[in-house]
PDB file of N, CA and C in Angstrom:
ATOM      1  N   MET A   1     -22.052   6.450 -94.931  1.00  0.00           N
ATOM      2  CA  MET A   1     -22.839   6.126 -93.750  1.00  0.00           C
ATOM      3  C   MET A   1     -23.716   7.331 -93.428  1.00  0.00           C
ATOM      4  N   GLU A   2     -24.968   7.087 -93.269  1.00  0.00           N
ATOM      5  CA  GLU A   2     -25.933   8.148 -92.967  1.00  0.00           C
ATOM      6  C   GLU A   2     -25.935   8.451 -91.472  1.00  0.00           C
ATOM      7  N   THR A   3     -26.226   9.708 -91.138  1.00  0.00           N
ATOM      8  CA  THR A   3     -26.356  10.121 -89.746  1.00  0.00           C
ATOM      9  C   THR A   3     -27.791  10.556 -89.496  1.00  0.00           C
ATOM     10  N   VAL A   4     -28.373  10.073 -88.397  1.00  0.00           N
ATOM     11  CA  VAL A   4     -29.722  10.490 -88.007  1.00  0.00           C
ATOM     12  C   VAL A   4     -29.677  10.969 -86.563  1.00  0.00           C
ATOM     13  N   GLY A   5     -30.566  11.866 -86.221  1.00  0.00           N
ATOM     14  CA  GLY A   5     -30.659  12.361 -84.859  1.00  0.00           C
ATOM     15  C   GLY A   5     -31.275  11.322 -83.935  1.00  0.00           C
ATOM     16  N   ALA A   6     -31.025  11.470 -82.659  1.00  0.00           N
ATOM     17  CA  ALA A   6     -31.516  10.507 -81.664  1.00  0.00           C
ATOM     18  C   ALA A   6     -33.040  10.437 -81.671  1.00  0.00           C
ATOM     19  N   TYR A   7     -33.700  11.592 -81.791  1.00  0.00           N
ATOM     20  CA  TYR A   7     -35.174  11.584 -81.791  1.00  0.00           C
ATOM     21  C   TYR A   7     -35.692  10.831 -83.011  1.00  0.00           C
ATOM     22  N   GLU A   8     -35.100  11.102 -84.166  1.00  0.00           N
ATOM     23  CA  GLU A   8     -35.517  10.414 -85.387  1.00  0.00           C
ATOM     24  C   GLU A   8     -35.257   8.908 -85.271  1.00  0.00           C
ATOM     25  N   ALA A   9     -34.111   8.551 -84.688  1.00  0.00           N
ATOM     26  CA  ALA A   9     -33.789   7.133 -84.514  1.00  0.00           C
ATOM     27  C   ALA A   9     -34.829   6.450 -83.628  1.00  0.00           C
ATOM     28  N   LYS A  10     -35.229   7.138 -82.555  1.00  0.00           N
ATOM     29  CA  LYS A  10     -36.230   6.571 -81.650  1.00  0.00           C
ATOM     30  C   LYS A  10     -37.566   6.412 -82.376  1.00  0.00           C
ATOM     31  N   THR A  11     -37.924   7.423 -83.129  1.00  0.00           N
ATOM     32  CA  THR A  11     -39.209   7.427 -83.808  1.00  0.00           C
ATOM     33  C   THR A  11     -39.275   6.399 -84.938  1.00  0.00           C
ATOM     34  N   HIS A  12     -38.170   6.197 -85.628  1.00  0.00           N
ATOM     35  CA  HIS A  12     -38.155   5.336 -86.814  1.00  0.00           C
ATOM     36  C   HIS A  12     -37.273   4.103 -86.645  1.00  0.00           C
ATOM     37  N   LEU A  13     -37.103   3.642 -85.422  1.00  0.00           N
ATOM     38  CA  LEU A  13     -36.208   2.519 -85.159  1.00  0.00           C
ATOM     39  C   LEU A  13     -36.515   1.289 -86.012  1.00  0.00           C
ATOM     40  N   PRO A  14     -37.762   0.850 -86.142  1.00  0.00           N
ATOM     41  CA  PRO A  14     -38.008  -0.340 -86.973  1.00  0.00           C
ATOM     42  C   PRO A  14     -37.513  -0.172 -88.415  1.00  0.00           C
ATOM     43  N   LYS A  15     -37.710   1.000 -88.998  1.00  0.00           N
ATOM     44  CA  LYS A  15     -37.247   1.241 -90.368  1.00  0.00           C
ATOM     45  C   LYS A  15     -35.724   1.237 -90.429  1.00  0.00           C
ATOM     46  N   LEU A  16     -35.090   1.841 -89.433  1.00  0.00           N
ATOM     47  CA  LEU A  16     -33.627   1.858 -89.403  1.00  0.00           C
ATOM     48  C   LEU A  16     -33.073   0.447 -89.250  1.00  0.00           C
ATOM     49  N   LEU A  17     -33.692  -0.356 -88.398  1.00  0.00           N
ATOM     50  CA  LEU A  17     -33.231  -1.732 -88.210  1.00  0.00           C
ATOM     51  C   LEU A  17     -33.386  -2.546 -89.496  1.00  0.00           C
ATOM     52  N   GLU A  18     -34.423  -2.285 -90.239  1.00  0.00           N
ATOM     53  CA  GLU A  18     -34.618  -2.963 -91.524  1.00  0.00           C
ATOM     54  C   GLU A  18     -33.473  -2.627 -92.477  1.00  0.00           C
ATOM     55  N   ARG A  19     -33.096  -1.357 -92.513  1.00  0.00           N
ATOM     56  CA  ARG A  19     -31.988  -0.935 -93.375  1.00  0.00           C
ATOM     57  C   ARG A  19     -30.673  -1.565 -92.923  1.00  0.00           C
ATOM     58  N   VAL A  20     -30.467  -1.605 -91.608  1.00  0.00           N
ATOM     59  CA  VAL A  20     -29.246  -2.202 -91.068  1.00  0.00           C
ATOM     60  C   VAL A  20     -29.193  -3.690 -91.396  1.00  0.00           C
ATOM     61  N   SER A  21     -30.325  -4.358 -91.345  1.00  0.00           N
ATOM     62  CA  SER A  21     -30.355  -5.796 -91.642  1.00  0.00           C
ATOM     63  C   SER A  21     -29.953  -6.076 -93.089  1.00  0.00           C
ATOM     64  N   LYS A  22     -30.027  -5.048 -93.940  1.00  0.00           N
ATOM     65  CA  LYS A  22     -29.619  -5.189 -95.337  1.00  0.00           C
ATOM     66  C   LYS A  22     -28.167  -4.775 -95.554  1.00  0.00           C
ATOM     67  N   GLY A  23     -27.446  -4.497 -94.446  1.00  0.00           N
ATOM     68  CA  GLY A  23     -26.027  -4.216 -94.548  1.00  0.00           C
ATOM     69  C   GLY A  23     -25.620  -2.770 -94.360  1.00  0.00           C
ATOM     70  N   GLU A  24     -26.561  -1.880 -94.164  1.00  0.00           N
ATOM     71  CA  GLU A  24     -26.247  -0.459 -94.016  1.00  0.00           C
ATOM     72  C   GLU A  24     -25.754  -0.154 -92.601  1.00  0.00           C
ATOM     73  N   ARG A  25     -24.885   0.847 -92.482  1.00  0.00           N
ATOM     74  CA  ARG A  25     -24.441   1.354 -91.167  1.00  0.00           C
ATOM     75  C   ARG A  25     -25.020   2.750 -91.005  1.00  0.00           C
ATOM     76  N   ILE A  26     -25.543   3.043 -89.819  1.00  0.00           N
ATOM     77  CA  ILE A  26     -26.181   4.331 -89.558  1.00  0.00           C
ATOM     78  C   ILE A  26     -25.627   4.902 -88.261  1.00  0.00           C
ATOM     79  N   THR A  27     -25.164   6.150 -88.319  1.00  0.00           N
ATOM     80  CA  THR A  27     -24.669   6.833 -87.127  1.00  0.00           C
ATOM     81  C   THR A  27     -25.825   7.575 -86.476  1.00  0.00           C
ATOM     82  N   ILE A  28     -25.939   7.477 -85.167  1.00  0.00           N
ATOM     83  CA  ILE A  28     -26.954   8.210 -84.410  1.00  0.00           C
ATOM     84  C   ILE A  28     -26.244   9.337 -83.681  1.00  0.00           C
ATOM     85  N   SER A  29     -26.787  10.535 -83.826  1.00  0.00           N
ATOM     86  CA  SER A  29     -26.166  11.696 -83.183  1.00  0.00           C
ATOM     87  C   SER A  29     -27.141  12.346 -82.213  1.00  0.00           C
ATOM     88  N   LYS A  30     -26.574  13.092 -81.287  1.00  0.00           N
ATOM     89  CA  LYS A  30     -27.377  13.855 -80.325  1.00  0.00           C
ATOM     90  C   LYS A  30     -26.816  15.269 -80.342  1.00  0.00           C
ATOM     91  N   HIS A  31     -27.632  16.203 -80.726  1.00  0.00           N
ATOM     92  CA  HIS A  31     -27.214  17.598 -80.872  1.00  0.00           C
ATOM     93  C   HIS A  31     -26.001  17.707 -81.800  1.00  0.00           C
ATOM     94  N   GLY A  32     -26.011  16.903 -82.876  1.00  0.00           N
ATOM     95  CA  GLY A  32     -24.947  16.961 -83.870  1.00  0.00           C
ATOM     96  C   GLY A  32     -23.688  16.191 -83.524  1.00  0.00           C
ATOM     97  N   VAL A  33     -23.647  15.571 -82.344  1.00  0.00           N
ATOM     98  CA  VAL A  33     -22.459  14.826 -81.915  1.00  0.00           C
ATOM     99  C   VAL A  33     -22.743  13.329 -82.061  1.00  0.00           C
ATOM    100  N   PRO A  34     -21.936  12.606 -82.829  1.00  0.00           N
ATOM    101  CA  PRO A  34     -22.158  11.164 -82.969  1.00  0.00           C
ATOM    102  C   PRO A  34     -22.049  10.455 -81.622  1.00  0.00           C
ATOM    103  N   ILE A  35     -23.038   9.586 -81.330  1.00  0.00           N
ATOM    104  CA  ILE A  35     -23.023   8.883 -80.044  1.00  0.00           C
ATOM    105  C   ILE A  35     -23.092   7.366 -80.198  1.00  0.00           C
ATOM    106  N   ALA A  36     -23.535   6.891 -81.365  1.00  0.00           N
ATOM    107  CA  ALA A  36     -23.663   5.443 -81.547  1.00  0.00           C
ATOM    108  C   ALA A  36     -23.686   5.120 -83.032  1.00  0.00           C
ATOM    109  N   VAL A  37     -23.408   3.852 -83.321  1.00  0.00           N
ATOM    110  CA  VAL A  37     -23.483   3.371 -84.692  1.00  0.00           C
ATOM    111  C   VAL A  37     -24.351   2.123 -84.699  1.00  0.00           C
ATOM    112  N   LEU A  38     -25.356   2.122 -85.560  1.00  0.00           N
ATOM    113  CA  LEU A  38     -26.151   0.914 -85.797  1.00  0.00           C
ATOM    114  C   LEU A  38     -25.493   0.211 -86.971  1.00  0.00           C
ATOM    115  N   GLN A  39     -25.132  -1.042 -86.781  1.00  0.00           N
ATOM    116  CA  GLN A  39     -24.502  -1.791 -87.855  1.00  0.00           C
ATOM    117  C   GLN A  39     -24.941  -3.240 -87.772  1.00  0.00           C
ATOM    118  N   PRO A  40     -24.822  -3.967 -88.882  1.00  0.00           N
ATOM    119  CA  PRO A  40     -25.226  -5.371 -88.856  1.00  0.00           C
ATOM    120  C   PRO A  40     -24.419  -6.164 -87.837  1.00  0.00           C
ATOM    121  N   TYR A  41     -25.054  -7.121 -87.225  1.00  0.00           N
ATOM    122  CA  TYR A  41     -24.402  -7.995 -86.263  1.00  0.00           C
ATOM    123  C   TYR A  41     -23.417  -8.889 -86.996  1.00  0.00           C
ATOM    124  N   ASP A  42     -22.227  -9.037 -86.450  1.00  0.00           N
ATOM    125  CA  ASP A  42     -21.206  -9.878 -87.048  1.00  0.00           C
ATOM    126  C   ASP A  42     -20.845 -10.971 -86.043  1.00  0.00           C
ATOM    127  N   ALA A  43     -21.341 -12.157 -86.273  1.00  0.00           N
ATOM    128  CA  ALA A  43     -21.125 -13.270 -85.343  1.00  0.00           C
ATOM    129  C   ALA A  43     -19.648 -13.608 -85.215  1.00  0.00           C
ATOM    130  N   ARG A  44     -18.844 -13.294 -86.228  1.00  0.00           N
ATOM    131  CA  ARG A  44     -17.414 -13.605 -86.162  1.00  0.00           C
ATOM    132  C   ARG A  44     -16.726 -12.782 -85.082  1.00  0.00           C
ATOM    133  N   ASN A  45     -17.275 -11.612 -84.751  1.00  0.00           N
ATOM    134  CA  ASN A  45     -16.655 -10.752 -83.756  1.00  0.00           C
ATOM    135  C   ASN A  45     -17.195 -10.966 -82.352  1.00  0.00           C
ATOM    136  N   SER A  46     -18.216 -11.793 -82.201  1.00  0.00           N
ATOM    137  CA  SER A  46     -18.743 -12.028 -80.859  1.00  0.00           C
ATOM    138  C   SER A  46     -17.881 -13.088 -80.184  1.00  0.00           C
ATOM    139  N   ASN A  47     -17.631 -12.900 -78.920  1.00  0.00           N
ATOM    140  CA  ASN A  47     -16.758 -13.799 -78.184  1.00  0.00           C
ATOM    141  C   ASN A  47     -17.568 -14.760 -77.327  1.00  0.00           C
ATOM    142  N   ASP A  48     -17.189 -16.007 -77.411  1.00  0.00           N
ATOM    143  CA  ASP A  48     -17.781 -17.025 -76.555  1.00  0.00           C
ATOM    144  C   ASP A  48     -17.216 -16.832 -75.154  1.00  0.00           C
ATOM    145  N   LEU A  49     -18.064 -16.728 -74.153  1.00  0.00           N
ATOM    146  CA  LEU A  49     -17.642 -16.458 -72.785  1.00  0.00           C
ATOM    147  C   LEU A  49     -16.616 -17.471 -72.296  1.00  0.00           C
ATOM    148  N   LYS A  50     -16.830 -18.738 -72.552  1.00  0.00           N
ATOM    149  CA  LYS A  50     -15.886 -19.760 -72.103  1.00  0.00           C
ATOM    150  C   LYS A  50     -14.524 -19.564 -72.767  1.00  0.00           C
ATOM    151  N   ALA A  51     -14.518 -19.184 -74.036  1.00  0.00           N
ATOM    152  CA  ALA A  51     -13.249 -18.959 -74.740  1.00  0.00           C
ATOM    153  C   ALA A  51     -12.510 -17.763 -74.158  1.00  0.00           C
ATOM    154  N   VAL A  52     -13.236 -16.717 -73.804  1.00  0.00           N
ATOM    155  CA  VAL A  52     -12.617 -15.528 -73.217  1.00  0.00           C
ATOM    156  C   VAL A  52     -11.993 -15.869 -71.864  1.00  0.00           C
ATOM    157  N   ILE A  53     -12.712 -16.620 -71.048  1.00  0.00           N
ATOM    158  CA  ILE A  53     -12.187 -17.022 -69.740  1.00  0.00           C
ATOM    159  C   ILE A  53     -10.929 -17.863 -69.918  1.00  0.00           C
ATOM    160  N   GLU A  54     -10.941 -18.779 -70.868  1.00  0.00           N
ATOM    161  CA  GLU A  54      -9.763 -19.611 -71.116  1.00  0.00           C
ATOM    162  C   GLU A  54      -8.582 -18.766 -71.582  1.00  0.00           C
ATOM    163  N   GLU A  55      -8.826 -17.770 -72.433  1.00  0.00           N
ATOM    164  CA  GLU A  55      -7.759 -16.863 -72.870  1.00  0.00           C
ATOM    165  C   GLU A  55      -7.162 -16.111 -71.683  1.00  0.00           C
ATOM    166  N   MET A  56      -8.019 -15.679 -70.753  1.00  0.00           N
ATOM    167  CA  MET A  56      -7.526 -14.970 -69.570  1.00  0.00           C
ATOM    168  C   MET A  56      -6.664 -15.899 -68.714  1.00  0.00           C
ATOM    169  N   ARG A  57      -7.093 -17.126 -68.566  1.00  0.00           N
ATOM    170  CA  ARG A  57      -6.306 -18.087 -67.778  1.00  0.00           C
ATOM    171  C   ARG A  57      -4.951 -18.326 -68.432  1.00  0.00           C
ATOM    172  N   GLN A  58      -4.932 -18.470 -69.737  1.00  0.00           N
ATOM    173  CA  GLN A  58      -3.669 -18.679 -70.447  1.00  0.00           C
ATOM    174  C   GLN A  58      -2.766 -17.456 -70.318  1.00  0.00           C
ATOM    175  N   PHE A  59      -3.351 -16.271 -70.342  1.00  0.00           N
ATOM    176  CA  PHE A  59      -2.579 -15.045 -70.199  1.00  0.00           C
ATOM    177  C   PHE A  59      -1.872 -14.997 -68.854  1.00  0.00           C
ATOM    178  N   ARG A  60      -2.534 -15.497 -67.806  1.00  0.00           N
ATOM    179  CA  ARG A  60      -1.987 -15.453 -66.448  1.00  0.00           C
ATOM    180  C   ARG A  60      -0.831 -16.417 -66.235  1.00  0.00           C
ATOM    181  N   VAL A  61      -0.739 -17.454 -67.051  1.00  0.00           N
ATOM    182  CA  VAL A  61       0.286 -18.483 -66.852  1.00  0.00           C
ATOM    183  C   VAL A  61       1.673 -17.849 -66.884  1.00  0.00           C
ATOM    184  N   GLY A  62       2.433 -18.103 -65.819  1.00  0.00           N
ATOM    185  CA  GLY A  62       3.807 -17.630 -65.754  1.00  0.00           C
ATOM    186  C   GLY A  62       3.978 -16.193 -65.309  1.00  0.00           C
ATOM    187  N   LYS A  63       2.917 -15.475 -65.035  1.00  0.00           N
ATOM    188  CA  LYS A  63       3.017 -14.089 -64.588  1.00  0.00           C
ATOM    189  C   LYS A  63       2.836 -14.037 -63.073  1.00  0.00           C
ATOM    190  N   ARG A  64       3.746 -13.366 -62.398  1.00  0.00           N
ATOM    191  CA  ARG A  64       3.708 -13.271 -60.934  1.00  0.00           C
ATOM    192  C   ARG A  64       3.852 -11.826 -60.502  1.00  0.00           C
ATOM    193  N   LEU A  65       3.392 -11.530 -59.313  1.00  0.00           N
ATOM    194  CA  LEU A  65       3.520 -10.186 -58.751  1.00  0.00           C
ATOM    195  C   LEU A  65       4.892  -9.964 -58.130  1.00  0.00           C
ATOM    196  N   GLU A  66       5.662 -11.027 -57.974  1.00  0.00           N
ATOM    197  CA  GLU A  66       7.013 -10.966 -57.430  1.00  0.00           C
ATOM    198  C   GLU A  66       7.085 -10.212 -56.115  1.00  0.00           C
ATOM    199  N   GLY A  67       6.274 -10.608 -55.172  1.00  0.00           N
ATOM    200  CA  GLY A  67       6.338 -10.057 -53.831  1.00  0.00           C
ATOM    201  C   GLY A  67       5.524  -8.797 -53.598  1.00  0.00           C
ATOM    202  N   LEU A  68       4.961  -8.206 -54.626  1.00  0.00           N
ATOM    203  CA  LEU A  68       4.151  -7.000 -54.432  1.00  0.00           C
ATOM    204  C   LEU A  68       2.806  -7.379 -53.836  1.00  0.00           C
ATOM    205  N   SER A  69       2.336  -6.542 -52.952  1.00  0.00           N
ATOM    206  CA  SER A  69       0.998  -6.759 -52.408  1.00  0.00           C
ATOM    207  C   SER A  69       0.021  -5.830 -53.124  1.00  0.00           C
ATOM    208  N   ILE A  70      -1.228  -6.142 -53.015  1.00  0.00           N
ATOM    209  CA  ILE A  70      -2.264  -5.286 -53.598  1.00  0.00           C
ATOM    210  C   ILE A  70      -2.159  -3.882 -53.008  1.00  0.00           C
ATOM    211  N   ARG A  71      -1.951  -3.794 -51.706  1.00  0.00           N
ATOM    212  CA  ARG A  71      -1.835  -2.499 -51.021  1.00  0.00           C
ATOM    213  C   ARG A  71      -0.691  -1.680 -51.609  1.00  0.00           C
ATOM    214  N   GLU A  72       0.474  -2.314 -51.839  1.00  0.00           N
ATOM    215  CA  GLU A  72       1.623  -1.601 -52.412  1.00  0.00           C
ATOM    216  C   GLU A  72       1.312  -1.081 -53.814  1.00  0.00           C
ATOM    217  N   MET A  73       0.600  -1.877 -54.588  1.00  0.00           N
ATOM    218  CA  MET A  73       0.250  -1.433 -55.937  1.00  0.00           C
ATOM    219  C   MET A  73      -0.732  -0.268 -55.889  1.00  0.00           C
ATOM    220  N   ILE A  74      -1.662  -0.299 -54.955  1.00  0.00           N
ATOM    221  CA  ILE A  74      -2.620   0.800 -54.805  1.00  0.00           C
ATOM    222  C   ILE A  74      -1.872   2.075 -54.432  1.00  0.00           C
ATOM    223  N   GLU A  75      -0.971   1.963 -53.468  1.00  0.00           N
ATOM    224  CA  GLU A  75      -0.212   3.137 -53.041  1.00  0.00           C
ATOM    225  C   GLU A  75       0.656   3.687 -54.174  1.00  0.00           C
ATOM    226  N   GLU A  76       1.263   2.795 -54.947  1.00  0.00           N
ATOM    227  CA  GLU A  76       2.090   3.218 -56.071  1.00  0.00           C
ATOM    228  C   GLU A  76       1.243   3.984 -57.096  1.00  0.00           C
ATOM    229  N   GLY A  77       0.027   3.512 -57.305  1.00  0.00           N
ATOM    230  CA  GLY A  77      -0.867   4.178 -58.260  1.00  0.00           C
ATOM    231  C   GLY A  77      -1.330   5.549 -57.808  1.00  0.00           C
ATOM    232  N   ARG A  78      -1.249   5.833 -56.518  1.00  0.00           N
ATOM    233  CA  ARG A  78      -1.671   7.136 -55.995  1.00  0.00           C
ATOM    234  C   ARG A  78      -0.611   8.204 -56.135  1.00  0.00           C
ATOM    235  N   ARG A  79       0.612   7.812 -56.424  1.00  0.00           N
ATOM    236  CA  ARG A  79       1.710   8.807 -56.513  1.00  0.00           C
ATOM    237  C   ARG A  79       1.693   9.533 -57.811  1.00  0.00           C
TER     238      ARG A  79
END
């Protein structure tokens, strides 16, 4: 995986996107520190919003706070 600086990435973004569209992954760095990765889009990893909401609803089934209030949980988190 190639690394390019942020300025170079900004200046040559169309060329970098062309390379990424062909399957390449490119790391973008700022002052030598990696900050982002340009990689091809993978539709298999994108989540459908409705499916995510349904998963959250299913996760909640059968889970209870058992008498705890939001205030009690906040106070517990401050200790």
